[in-house]
């Protein structure tokens, strides 16, 4: 039901086919405790590895309500918020910063964000992402910035 030219310029833009890595497929489909944990918190695990976050101006009074259905109303434009490459002195690293800042302790930095993550799952996901060509380019850039 999208209007003409809404997506991919009416077919003029072709996206390259992608294949989900087998190890990620196993996390989605297996019946291990780890896979069940991953599926239960898949959105949180996904958010752990994003480069940007949702940037909006929202009605804070409306989102504070404790009774009824939670309502999230956006005012104005929705955009992707991208942090600076390094956190300020008082902040913990998040989003894209986790790929640049203190990479020797990346897993510990990710675990510090929330206590609900399983370290073994984070290790697997990070290992899977090492095969991603975009992340490889980001890692190379991070190394050149550090040096």
N, C-alpha and C. Protein backbone atom coordinates (compact mmCIF):
# COMPACT_ATOMS: atom_id res chain seq x y z
N UNK A 1 0.81 -1.21 0.00
CA UNK A 1 0.00 0.00 0.00
C UNK A 1 0.85 1.27 0.00
N UNK A 2 2.16 1.13 -0.29
CA UNK A 2 3.01 2.31 -0.34
C UNK A 2 2.76 3.08 -1.64
N UNK A 3 2.87 4.39 -1.58
CA UNK A 3 2.68 5.17 -2.81
C UNK A 3 3.83 4.93 -3.78
N UNK A 4 3.61 5.20 -5.07
CA UNK A 4 4.67 5.01 -6.06
C UNK A 4 5.93 5.79 -5.67
N UNK A 5 7.07 5.20 -5.94
CA UNK A 5 8.39 5.78 -5.71
C UNK A 5 8.72 5.96 -4.22
N UNK A 6 7.87 5.45 -3.31
CA UNK A 6 8.13 5.58 -1.88
C UNK A 6 9.40 4.84 -1.49
N UNK A 7 9.56 3.63 -1.98
CA UNK A 7 10.72 2.82 -1.62
C UNK A 7 11.48 2.38 -2.87
N UNK A 8 12.75 2.49 -2.81
CA UNK A 8 13.64 1.97 -3.86
C UNK A 8 13.37 2.57 -5.23
N UNK A 9 12.83 3.78 -5.27
CA UNK A 9 12.59 4.50 -6.52
C UNK A 9 11.86 3.63 -7.53
N UNK A 10 10.76 3.02 -7.09
CA UNK A 10 9.92 2.16 -7.95
C UNK A 10 10.73 1.05 -8.62
N UNK A 11 11.66 0.48 -7.92
CA UNK A 11 12.43 -0.64 -8.44
C UNK A 11 13.73 -0.26 -9.13
N UNK A 12 14.03 1.03 -9.23
CA UNK A 12 15.27 1.46 -9.86
C UNK A 12 16.48 1.10 -9.00
N UNK A 13 16.30 1.08 -7.70
CA UNK A 13 17.39 0.75 -6.79
C UNK A 13 17.24 -0.71 -6.39
N UNK A 14 18.28 -1.48 -6.61
CA UNK A 14 18.28 -2.91 -6.28
C UNK A 14 19.26 -3.15 -5.13
N UNK A 15 18.76 -3.74 -4.07
CA UNK A 15 19.62 -4.07 -2.94
C UNK A 15 20.30 -5.41 -3.19
N UNK A 16 21.54 -5.51 -2.77
CA UNK A 16 22.27 -6.76 -2.93
C UNK A 16 21.64 -7.82 -2.00
N UNK A 17 21.48 -9.04 -2.50
CA UNK A 17 20.92 -10.08 -1.63
C UNK A 17 21.89 -10.38 -0.49
N UNK A 18 21.33 -10.65 0.65
CA UNK A 18 22.15 -10.99 1.81
C UNK A 18 21.70 -12.32 2.38
N UNK A 19 22.61 -12.96 3.05
CA UNK A 19 22.32 -14.25 3.68
C UNK A 19 22.63 -14.11 5.16
N UNK A 20 21.68 -14.54 5.98
CA UNK A 20 21.90 -14.48 7.42
C UNK A 20 22.97 -15.51 7.78
N UNK A 21 23.97 -15.14 8.57
CA UNK A 21 25.01 -16.09 8.97
C UNK A 21 24.41 -17.30 9.69
N UNK A 22 24.96 -18.47 9.40
CA UNK A 22 24.44 -19.72 9.98
C UNK A 22 24.42 -19.68 11.51
N UNK A 23 25.44 -19.08 12.11
CA UNK A 23 25.48 -19.03 13.58
C UNK A 23 24.33 -18.18 14.14
N UNK A 24 23.93 -17.16 13.41
CA UNK A 24 22.80 -16.34 13.84
C UNK A 24 21.48 -17.09 13.64
N UNK A 25 21.39 -17.82 12.55
CA UNK A 25 20.21 -18.66 12.32
C UNK A 25 20.05 -19.65 13.47
N UNK A 26 21.15 -20.23 13.94
CA UNK A 26 21.09 -21.17 15.06
C UNK A 26 20.58 -20.50 16.33
N UNK A 27 20.99 -19.27 16.58
CA UNK A 27 20.48 -18.57 17.75
C UNK A 27 18.97 -18.37 17.66
N UNK A 28 18.47 -18.14 16.47
CA UNK A 28 17.03 -17.96 16.29
C UNK A 28 16.25 -19.27 16.36
N UNK A 29 16.82 -20.36 15.85
CA UNK A 29 16.05 -21.59 15.67
C UNK A 29 16.31 -22.71 16.66
N UNK A 30 17.46 -22.73 17.30
CA UNK A 30 17.81 -23.85 18.17
C UNK A 30 16.93 -23.85 19.43
N UNK A 31 16.94 -24.95 20.13
CA UNK A 31 16.16 -25.07 21.36
C UNK A 31 17.03 -25.10 22.60
N UNK A 32 18.21 -24.53 22.53
CA UNK A 32 19.09 -24.47 23.70
C UNK A 32 18.60 -23.36 24.63
N UNK A 33 19.07 -23.40 25.87
CA UNK A 33 18.72 -22.34 26.82
C UNK A 33 19.20 -20.98 26.31
N UNK A 34 20.38 -20.98 25.72
CA UNK A 34 20.96 -19.74 25.19
C UNK A 34 20.09 -19.17 24.06
N UNK A 35 19.64 -20.04 23.16
CA UNK A 35 18.80 -19.59 22.05
C UNK A 35 17.46 -19.07 22.55
N UNK A 36 16.90 -19.73 23.53
CA UNK A 36 15.63 -19.26 24.09
C UNK A 36 15.80 -17.89 24.74
N UNK A 37 16.90 -17.71 25.46
CA UNK A 37 17.21 -16.42 26.08
C UNK A 37 17.37 -15.35 25.01
N UNK A 38 18.07 -15.68 23.93
CA UNK A 38 18.28 -14.74 22.83
C UNK A 38 16.95 -14.32 22.22
N UNK A 39 16.09 -15.28 21.92
CA UNK A 39 14.79 -14.96 21.31
C UNK A 39 13.92 -14.13 22.24
N UNK A 40 14.00 -14.40 23.53
CA UNK A 40 13.19 -13.67 24.50
C UNK A 40 13.61 -12.20 24.57
N UNK A 41 14.89 -11.93 24.38
CA UNK A 41 15.41 -10.56 24.50
C UNK A 41 16.01 -10.07 23.20
N UNK A 42 15.53 -10.56 22.07
CA UNK A 42 16.17 -10.26 20.78
C UNK A 42 16.21 -8.76 20.50
N UNK A 43 15.18 -8.03 20.85
CA UNK A 43 15.19 -6.59 20.59
C UNK A 43 16.29 -5.90 21.40
N UNK A 44 16.46 -6.31 22.65
CA UNK A 44 17.51 -5.72 23.49
C UNK A 44 18.89 -6.07 22.96
N UNK A 45 19.07 -7.32 22.54
CA UNK A 45 20.38 -7.70 21.96
C UNK A 45 20.64 -6.92 20.68
N UNK A 46 19.62 -6.74 19.87
CA UNK A 46 19.79 -5.96 18.65
C UNK A 46 20.19 -4.52 18.99
N UNK A 47 19.50 -3.93 19.95
CA UNK A 47 19.81 -2.56 20.34
C UNK A 47 21.22 -2.42 20.89
N UNK A 48 21.76 -3.48 21.44
CA UNK A 48 23.11 -3.46 22.00
C UNK A 48 24.17 -3.20 20.91
N UNK A 49 23.85 -3.56 19.67
CA UNK A 49 24.85 -3.47 18.60
C UNK A 49 24.54 -2.41 17.54
N UNK A 50 23.54 -1.57 17.77
CA UNK A 50 23.20 -0.54 16.78
C UNK A 50 24.23 0.58 16.81
N UNK A 51 24.35 1.27 15.70
CA UNK A 51 25.28 2.39 15.59
C UNK A 51 24.61 3.70 16.03
N UNK A 52 23.30 3.80 15.85
CA UNK A 52 22.58 5.02 16.16
C UNK A 52 21.41 4.70 17.09
N UNK A 53 20.76 5.73 17.57
CA UNK A 53 19.56 5.54 18.36
C UNK A 53 18.47 6.44 17.79
N UNK A 54 17.25 6.21 18.23
CA UNK A 54 16.12 7.00 17.78
C UNK A 54 16.22 8.38 18.41
N UNK A 55 16.15 9.38 17.59
CA UNK A 55 16.18 10.75 18.09
C UNK A 55 14.84 11.40 17.84
N UNK A 56 14.16 11.80 18.89
CA UNK A 56 12.87 12.46 18.76
C UNK A 56 12.70 13.44 19.92
N UNK A 57 11.79 14.35 19.75
CA UNK A 57 11.31 15.16 20.86
C UNK A 57 9.96 14.56 21.22
N UNK A 58 9.81 14.12 22.45
CA UNK A 58 8.57 13.44 22.82
C UNK A 58 7.92 14.11 24.02
N UNK A 59 6.67 13.81 24.19
CA UNK A 59 5.88 14.36 25.28
C UNK A 59 6.24 13.63 26.56
N UNK A 60 7.11 14.21 27.38
CA UNK A 60 7.61 13.54 28.59
C UNK A 60 6.52 13.32 29.62
N UNK A 61 5.57 14.25 29.71
CA UNK A 61 4.48 14.06 30.67
C UNK A 61 3.61 12.87 30.29
N UNK A 62 3.37 12.71 29.03
CA UNK A 62 2.54 11.60 28.57
C UNK A 62 3.23 10.26 28.81
N UNK A 63 4.55 10.21 28.63
CA UNK A 63 5.26 8.94 28.79
C UNK A 63 5.47 8.57 30.26
N UNK A 64 5.22 9.49 31.20
CA UNK A 64 5.40 9.20 32.61
C UNK A 64 4.18 8.54 33.25
N UNK A 65 3.09 8.45 32.54
CA UNK A 65 1.88 7.89 33.14
C UNK A 65 2.13 6.45 33.57
N UNK A 66 1.62 6.12 34.75
CA UNK A 66 1.79 4.77 35.28
C UNK A 66 0.52 3.94 35.19
N UNK A 67 -0.56 4.52 34.75
CA UNK A 67 -1.79 3.75 34.61
C UNK A 67 -2.22 3.70 33.15
N UNK A 68 -2.87 2.65 32.78
CA UNK A 68 -3.32 2.51 31.41
C UNK A 68 -2.22 2.03 30.49
N UNK A 69 -2.46 2.18 29.22
CA UNK A 69 -1.52 1.71 28.19
C UNK A 69 -0.44 2.76 27.99
N UNK A 70 0.82 2.30 27.94
CA UNK A 70 1.94 3.22 27.70
C UNK A 70 1.76 3.85 26.33
N UNK A 71 1.92 5.15 26.28
CA UNK A 71 1.77 5.89 25.03
C UNK A 71 3.05 6.65 24.75
N UNK A 72 3.49 6.57 23.52
CA UNK A 72 4.69 7.27 23.08
C UNK A 72 4.25 8.14 21.92
N UNK A 73 4.26 9.45 22.10
CA UNK A 73 3.83 10.36 21.04
C UNK A 73 5.02 11.19 20.61
N UNK A 74 5.31 11.15 19.34
CA UNK A 74 6.43 11.90 18.79
C UNK A 74 5.92 13.24 18.29
N UNK A 75 6.70 14.27 18.57
CA UNK A 75 6.36 15.61 18.10
C UNK A 75 7.45 16.05 17.13
N UNK A 76 7.06 16.37 15.94
CA UNK A 76 8.04 16.83 14.96
C UNK A 76 8.63 15.68 14.18
N UNK A 77 9.90 15.76 13.92
CA UNK A 77 10.58 14.84 13.03
C UNK A 77 11.28 13.72 13.79
N UNK A 78 11.26 12.53 13.21
CA UNK A 78 12.01 11.39 13.75
C UNK A 78 13.34 11.34 12.99
N UNK A 79 14.42 11.09 13.70
CA UNK A 79 15.72 11.03 13.06
C UNK A 79 16.61 10.02 13.78
N UNK A 80 17.72 9.67 13.17
CA UNK A 80 18.71 8.82 13.81
C UNK A 80 19.69 9.72 14.55
N UNK A 81 19.87 9.44 15.82
CA UNK A 81 20.83 10.21 16.62
C UNK A 81 22.14 9.43 16.64
N UNK A 82 23.21 10.10 16.29
CA UNK A 82 24.53 9.46 16.31
C UNK A 82 25.41 10.22 17.30
N UNK A 83 25.91 9.49 18.28
CA UNK A 83 26.80 10.07 19.29
C UNK A 83 28.11 10.50 18.64
N UNK A 84 28.89 11.27 19.38
CA UNK A 84 30.26 11.53 18.95
C UNK A 84 31.01 10.20 19.04
N UNK A 85 32.19 10.13 18.47
CA UNK A 85 32.91 8.85 18.45
C UNK A 85 33.39 8.42 19.83
N UNK A 86 33.58 9.36 20.72
CA UNK A 86 34.05 9.04 22.06
C UNK A 86 33.12 9.67 23.09
N UNK A 87 32.82 8.97 24.18
CA UNK A 87 31.91 9.54 25.19
C UNK A 87 32.58 10.69 25.95
N UNK A 88 31.75 11.58 26.49
CA UNK A 88 32.30 12.64 27.34
C UNK A 88 32.76 12.00 28.65
N UNK A 89 33.47 12.75 29.45
CA UNK A 89 34.07 12.22 30.68
C UNK A 89 33.06 11.57 31.61
N UNK A 90 31.85 12.10 31.68
CA UNK A 90 30.86 11.62 32.63
C UNK A 90 29.98 10.49 32.09
N UNK A 91 30.04 10.23 30.80
CA UNK A 91 29.13 9.26 30.17
C UNK A 91 29.79 7.92 29.92
N UNK A 92 28.97 6.88 29.91
CA UNK A 92 29.43 5.56 29.47
C UNK A 92 29.32 5.50 27.96
N UNK A 93 30.15 4.69 27.35
CA UNK A 93 30.09 4.51 25.90
C UNK A 93 28.78 3.83 25.53
N UNK A 94 28.22 4.23 24.38
CA UNK A 94 27.00 3.61 23.88
C UNK A 94 26.99 3.67 22.36
N UNK A 95 26.16 2.86 21.77
CA UNK A 95 25.97 2.80 20.32
C UNK A 95 27.31 2.70 19.58
N UNK A 96 27.51 3.59 18.62
CA UNK A 96 28.72 3.55 17.78
C UNK A 96 30.00 3.68 18.60
N UNK A 97 29.93 4.38 19.72
CA UNK A 97 31.12 4.58 20.56
C UNK A 97 31.72 3.26 21.03
N UNK A 98 30.88 2.25 21.22
CA UNK A 98 31.38 0.96 21.70
C UNK A 98 32.34 0.30 20.70
N UNK A 99 32.28 0.72 19.43
CA UNK A 99 33.17 0.17 18.41
C UNK A 99 34.49 0.94 18.35
N UNK A 100 34.55 2.13 18.97
CA UNK A 100 35.74 2.97 18.91
C UNK A 100 36.43 3.13 20.25
N UNK A 101 35.65 3.26 21.30
CA UNK A 101 36.17 3.63 22.60
C UNK A 101 36.51 2.39 23.42
N UNK A 102 37.71 2.30 23.94
CA UNK A 102 38.13 1.22 24.82
C UNK A 102 37.76 -0.15 24.26
N UNK A 103 38.19 -0.41 23.04
CA UNK A 103 37.83 -1.66 22.37
C UNK A 103 38.43 -2.89 23.04
N UNK A 104 39.47 -2.70 23.83
CA UNK A 104 40.05 -3.83 24.55
C UNK A 104 39.08 -4.37 25.60
N UNK A 105 38.18 -3.51 26.07
CA UNK A 105 37.20 -3.90 27.08
C UNK A 105 35.78 -3.81 26.53
N UNK A 106 35.64 -4.01 25.23
CA UNK A 106 34.33 -3.83 24.58
C UNK A 106 33.25 -4.70 25.22
N UNK A 107 33.54 -5.95 25.44
CA UNK A 107 32.54 -6.84 26.03
C UNK A 107 32.13 -6.38 27.42
N UNK A 108 33.09 -6.01 28.24
CA UNK A 108 32.79 -5.51 29.59
C UNK A 108 31.99 -4.22 29.52
N UNK A 109 32.31 -3.35 28.57
CA UNK A 109 31.55 -2.10 28.41
C UNK A 109 30.11 -2.39 28.02
N UNK A 110 29.92 -3.38 27.14
CA UNK A 110 28.55 -3.76 26.75
C UNK A 110 27.80 -4.37 27.93
N UNK A 111 28.48 -5.23 28.69
CA UNK A 111 27.83 -5.88 29.83
C UNK A 111 27.44 -4.84 30.89
N UNK A 112 28.20 -3.75 30.99
CA UNK A 112 27.92 -2.72 32.00
C UNK A 112 26.65 -1.92 31.68
N UNK A 113 26.21 -1.98 30.45
CA UNK A 113 25.02 -1.23 30.06
C UNK A 113 23.77 -1.78 30.73
N UNK A 114 23.69 -3.12 30.81
CA UNK A 114 22.53 -3.75 31.44
C UNK A 114 22.92 -5.10 32.00
N UNK A 115 22.35 -5.44 33.14
CA UNK A 115 22.63 -6.73 33.76
C UNK A 115 21.83 -7.87 33.18
N UNK A 116 20.94 -7.59 32.21
CA UNK A 116 20.11 -8.67 31.70
C UNK A 116 20.74 -9.45 30.55
N UNK A 117 21.90 -9.02 30.08
CA UNK A 117 22.53 -9.70 28.96
C UNK A 117 23.38 -10.87 29.42
N UNK A 118 23.40 -11.91 28.60
CA UNK A 118 24.26 -13.07 28.85
C UNK A 118 25.56 -12.85 28.08
N UNK A 119 26.68 -12.94 28.79
CA UNK A 119 27.98 -12.67 28.19
C UNK A 119 28.26 -13.60 27.00
N UNK A 120 27.88 -14.86 27.12
CA UNK A 120 28.15 -15.81 26.03
C UNK A 120 27.40 -15.44 24.76
N UNK A 121 26.19 -14.91 24.91
CA UNK A 121 25.42 -14.50 23.73
C UNK A 121 26.04 -13.25 23.11
N UNK A 122 26.45 -12.30 23.95
CA UNK A 122 27.11 -11.10 23.43
C UNK A 122 28.39 -11.46 22.69
N UNK A 123 29.15 -12.42 23.23
CA UNK A 123 30.38 -12.87 22.55
C UNK A 123 30.05 -13.47 21.19
N UNK A 124 29.02 -14.29 21.12
CA UNK A 124 28.63 -14.89 19.85
C UNK A 124 28.21 -13.83 18.84
N UNK A 125 27.38 -12.89 19.27
CA UNK A 125 26.92 -11.85 18.37
C UNK A 125 28.07 -10.98 17.88
N UNK A 126 28.97 -10.64 18.76
CA UNK A 126 30.14 -9.83 18.37
C UNK A 126 30.99 -10.60 17.37
N UNK A 127 31.15 -11.89 17.59
CA UNK A 127 31.91 -12.73 16.68
C UNK A 127 31.24 -12.80 15.31
N UNK A 128 29.93 -12.90 15.29
CA UNK A 128 29.18 -12.93 14.03
C UNK A 128 29.36 -11.60 13.30
N UNK A 129 29.33 -10.50 14.04
CA UNK A 129 29.48 -9.18 13.42
C UNK A 129 30.87 -8.97 12.83
N UNK A 130 31.87 -9.69 13.33
CA UNK A 130 33.21 -9.58 12.77
C UNK A 130 33.24 -9.95 11.29
N UNK A 131 32.24 -10.71 10.84
CA UNK A 131 32.16 -11.11 9.43
C UNK A 131 31.46 -10.06 8.57
N UNK A 132 30.89 -9.04 9.19
CA UNK A 132 30.14 -8.02 8.47
C UNK A 132 31.12 -7.04 7.82
N UNK A 133 31.04 -6.88 6.49
CA UNK A 133 32.01 -5.99 5.81
C UNK A 133 31.89 -4.53 6.24
N UNK A 134 30.72 -4.07 6.60
CA UNK A 134 30.56 -2.69 7.04
C UNK A 134 31.27 -2.49 8.38
N UNK A 135 31.08 -3.43 9.27
CA UNK A 135 31.74 -3.33 10.58
C UNK A 135 33.26 -3.44 10.43
N UNK A 136 33.71 -4.25 9.49
CA UNK A 136 35.17 -4.34 9.25
C UNK A 136 35.72 -2.97 8.86
N UNK A 137 34.99 -2.25 8.00
CA UNK A 137 35.44 -0.92 7.58
C UNK A 137 35.46 0.05 8.76
N UNK A 138 34.44 -0.04 9.61
CA UNK A 138 34.39 0.82 10.79
C UNK A 138 35.56 0.51 11.71
N UNK A 139 35.85 -0.77 11.90
CA UNK A 139 36.97 -1.17 12.76
C UNK A 139 38.29 -0.65 12.22
N UNK A 140 38.47 -0.70 10.90
CA UNK A 140 39.69 -0.17 10.30
C UNK A 140 39.80 1.34 10.53
N UNK A 141 38.67 2.04 10.39
CA UNK A 141 38.66 3.48 10.64
C UNK A 141 39.00 3.77 12.10
N UNK A 142 38.43 2.97 13.00
CA UNK A 142 38.69 3.17 14.44
C UNK A 142 40.17 3.02 14.73
N UNK A 143 40.80 2.01 14.14
CA UNK A 143 42.22 1.80 14.36
C UNK A 143 43.05 2.95 13.81
N UNK A 144 42.67 3.48 12.64
CA UNK A 144 43.44 4.58 12.07
C UNK A 144 43.27 5.85 12.90
N UNK A 145 42.09 6.05 13.51
CA UNK A 145 41.87 7.22 14.36
C UNK A 145 42.71 7.11 15.63
N UNK A 146 42.78 5.90 16.20
CA UNK A 146 43.54 5.71 17.43
C UNK A 146 45.03 5.92 17.20
N UNK A 147 45.50 5.53 16.01
CA UNK A 147 46.92 5.62 15.72
C UNK A 147 47.20 6.97 15.16
